[in-house]
Amino acid sequence: MSIPMTNVARAVETLLRTGARKSTVFVSERERVTAARRFKPRANEKTVDVVLTIGRPNAAQRKLVKRYLKAGKIPHHAHLAFYAKKQGRHG
């Protein structure tokens, strides 16, 4: 498995710049790079733990890639997942 370092750097850099929970970059139809935070960021945080996963996409991601390819596009940007917004009190 030979993944270009630019894809790894793009996944990690996008994760850190946007404050997202997870950033996924698709290398090809059968390979992806995912960078995910271990903990929700805080205001006084000095370090960031990142888990890097390189491998095959799951079923939902494969469907997404197939839809992109069917439309004639290549998923070249990073797909982001964010933390859920804090719910306020109701009453």
C-alpha atoms as a PDB file:
ATOM      1  CA  MET A   1       0.000   0.000   0.000  1.00  0.00           C
ATOM      2  CA  SER A   2       1.678   3.166  -1.211  1.00  0.00           C
ATOM      3  CA  ILE A   3      -0.100   6.347  -0.100  1.00  0.00           C
ATOM      4  CA  PRO A   4       1.344   9.717  -1.172  1.00  0.00           C
ATOM      5  CA  MET A   5       2.412  11.810   1.819  1.00  0.00           C
ATOM      6  CA  THR A   6       0.457  14.779   0.436  1.00  0.00           C
ATOM      7  CA  ASN A   7      -2.821  12.950   1.140  1.00  0.00           C
ATOM      8  CA  VAL A   8      -1.793  12.239   4.736  1.00  0.00           C
ATOM      9  CA  ALA A   9      -0.732  15.855   5.206  1.00  0.00           C
ATOM     10  CA  ARG A  10      -3.989  17.123   3.666  1.00  0.00           C
ATOM     11  CA  ALA A  11      -6.110  14.997   6.028  1.00  0.00           C
ATOM     12  CA  VAL A  12      -4.233  16.084   9.160  1.00  0.00           C
ATOM     13  CA  GLU A  13      -3.926  19.739   8.162  1.00  0.00           C
ATOM     14  CA  THR A  14      -7.631  20.003   7.307  1.00  0.00           C
ATOM     15  CA  LEU A  15      -8.526  18.407  10.628  1.00  0.00           C
ATOM     16  CA  LEU A  16      -6.417  20.866  12.615  1.00  0.00           C
ATOM     17  CA  ARG A  17      -7.417  23.992  10.695  1.00  0.00           C
ATOM     18  CA  THR A  18     -11.184  23.405  10.695  1.00  0.00           C
ATOM     19  CA  GLY A  19     -11.637  22.037  14.207  1.00  0.00           C
ATOM     20  CA  ALA A  20     -13.529  19.039  12.832  1.00  0.00           C
ATOM     21  CA  ARG A  21     -13.832  15.644  14.523  1.00  0.00           C
ATOM     22  CA  LYS A  22     -12.786  13.632  11.473  1.00  0.00           C
ATOM     23  CA  SER A  23     -11.260  14.367   8.065  1.00  0.00           C
ATOM     24  CA  THR A  24     -11.292  11.774   5.274  1.00  0.00           C
ATOM     25  CA  VAL A  25      -9.336  12.027   2.007  1.00  0.00           C
ATOM     26  CA  PHE A  26     -10.011   9.476  -0.733  1.00  0.00           C
ATOM     27  CA  VAL A  27      -6.853   8.402  -2.534  1.00  0.00           C
ATOM     28  CA  SER A  28      -8.646   6.085  -4.948  1.00  0.00           C
ATOM     29  CA  GLU A  29     -11.836   4.049  -5.079  1.00  0.00           C
ATOM     30  CA  ARG A  30     -10.292   1.474  -2.757  1.00  0.00           C
ATOM     31  CA  GLU A  31      -8.015   3.552  -0.515  1.00  0.00           C
ATOM     32  CA  ARG A  32      -8.618   6.364   1.944  1.00  0.00           C
ATOM     33  CA  VAL A  33      -6.774   8.324   4.621  1.00  0.00           C
ATOM     34  CA  THR A  34      -8.674   9.363   7.751  1.00  0.00           C
ATOM     35  CA  ALA A  35      -7.417  11.651  10.512  1.00  0.00           C
ATOM     36  CA  ALA A  36      -9.566  11.848  13.659  1.00  0.00           C
ATOM     37  CA  ARG A  37      -9.299  13.670  16.963  1.00  0.00           C
ATOM     38  CA  ARG A  38      -9.282  11.514  20.092  1.00  0.00           C
ATOM     39  CA  PHE A  39     -10.850  14.182  22.311  1.00  0.00           C
ATOM     40  CA  LYS A  40     -13.174  17.138  21.817  1.00  0.00           C
ATOM     41  CA  PRO A  41     -11.098  20.365  21.714  1.00  0.00           C
ATOM     42  CA  ARG A  42     -11.136  22.719  24.700  1.00  0.00           C
ATOM     43  CA  ALA A  43     -10.190  26.370  24.986  1.00  0.00           C
ATOM     44  CA  ASN A  44      -7.155  25.681  27.209  1.00  0.00           C
ATOM     45  CA  GLU A  45      -5.873  22.697  25.234  1.00  0.00           C
ATOM     46  CA  LYS A  46      -2.143  22.634  24.538  1.00  0.00           C
ATOM     47  CA  THR A  47      -1.848  19.320  22.698  1.00  0.00           C
ATOM     48  CA  VAL A  48      -3.919  17.484  20.108  1.00  0.00           C
ATOM     49  CA  ASP A  49      -4.081  13.688  19.794  1.00  0.00           C
ATOM     50  CA  VAL A  50      -4.746  12.548  16.238  1.00  0.00           C
ATOM     51  CA  VAL A  51      -5.490   9.001  15.133  1.00  0.00           C
ATOM     52  CA  LEU A  52      -4.453   8.301  11.544  1.00  0.00           C
ATOM     53  CA  THR A  53      -6.156   5.464   9.659  1.00  0.00           C
ATOM     54  CA  ILE A  54      -5.044   4.315   6.205  1.00  0.00           C
ATOM     55  CA  GLY A  55      -6.965   1.603   4.440  1.00  0.00           C
ATOM     56  CA  ARG A  56     -10.146   0.585   2.669  1.00  0.00           C
ATOM     57  CA  PRO A  57     -13.297   2.699   2.930  1.00  0.00           C
ATOM     58  CA  ASN A  58     -16.353   1.346   4.739  1.00  0.00           C
ATOM     59  CA  ALA A  59     -19.655   0.626   2.981  1.00  0.00           C
ATOM     60  CA  ALA A  60     -21.061   4.153   3.281  1.00  0.00           C
ATOM     61  CA  GLN A  61     -17.834   5.682   1.981  1.00  0.00           C
ATOM     62  CA  ARG A  62     -17.749   3.243  -0.954  1.00  0.00           C
ATOM     63  CA  LYS A  63     -21.286   4.331  -1.908  1.00  0.00           C
ATOM     64  CA  LEU A  64     -20.198   7.958  -1.742  1.00  0.00           C
ATOM     65  CA  VAL A  65     -17.203   7.335  -3.997  1.00  0.00           C
ATOM     66  CA  LYS A  66     -19.358   5.402  -6.486  1.00  0.00           C
ATOM     67  CA  ARG A  67     -21.835   8.301  -6.641  1.00  0.00           C
ATOM     68  CA  TYR A  68     -18.972  10.714  -7.329  1.00  0.00           C
ATOM     69  CA  LEU A  69     -17.565   8.486 -10.078  1.00  0.00           C
ATOM     70  CA  LYS A  70     -21.010   7.985 -11.642  1.00  0.00           C
ATOM     71  CA  ALA A  71     -21.401  11.764 -11.820  1.00  0.00           C
ATOM     72  CA  GLY A  72     -18.015  11.966 -13.554  1.00  0.00           C
ATOM     73  CA  LYS A  73     -16.219  13.625 -10.638  1.00  0.00           C
ATOM     74  CA  ILE A  74     -13.339  12.554  -8.439  1.00  0.00           C
ATOM     75  CA  PRO A  75     -13.677  13.250  -4.678  1.00  0.00           C
ATOM     76  CA  HIS A  76     -10.542  15.368  -4.376  1.00  0.00           C
ATOM     77  CA  HIS A  77     -11.474  17.440  -1.306  1.00  0.00           C
ATOM     78  CA  ALA A  78     -11.477  16.306   2.316  1.00  0.00           C
ATOM     79  CA  HIS A  79     -14.771  15.106   3.755  1.00  0.00           C
ATOM     80  CA  LEU A  80     -15.344  16.460   7.259  1.00  0.00           C
ATOM     81  CA  ALA A  81     -17.375  15.283  10.243  1.00  0.00           C
ATOM     82  CA  PHE A  82     -17.958  17.722  13.099  1.00  0.00           C
ATOM     83  CA  TYR A  83     -18.866  17.316  16.742  1.00  0.00           C
ATOM     84  CA  ALA A  84     -22.570  17.657  17.583  1.00  0.00           C
ATOM     85  CA  LYS A  85     -23.709  21.066  18.781  1.00  0.00           C
ATOM     86  CA  LYS A  86     -24.428  21.411  22.467  1.00  0.00           C
ATOM     87  CA  GLN A  87     -28.162  21.215  23.194  1.00  0.00           C
ATOM     88  CA  GLY A  88     -29.702  23.955  25.325  1.00  0.00           C
ATOM     89  CA  ARG A  89     -32.184  23.498  28.128  1.00  0.00           C
ATOM     90  CA  HIS A  90     -35.821  23.155  27.118  1.00  0.00           C
ATOM     91  CA  GLY A  91     -37.772  24.908  29.846  1.00  0.00           C
END
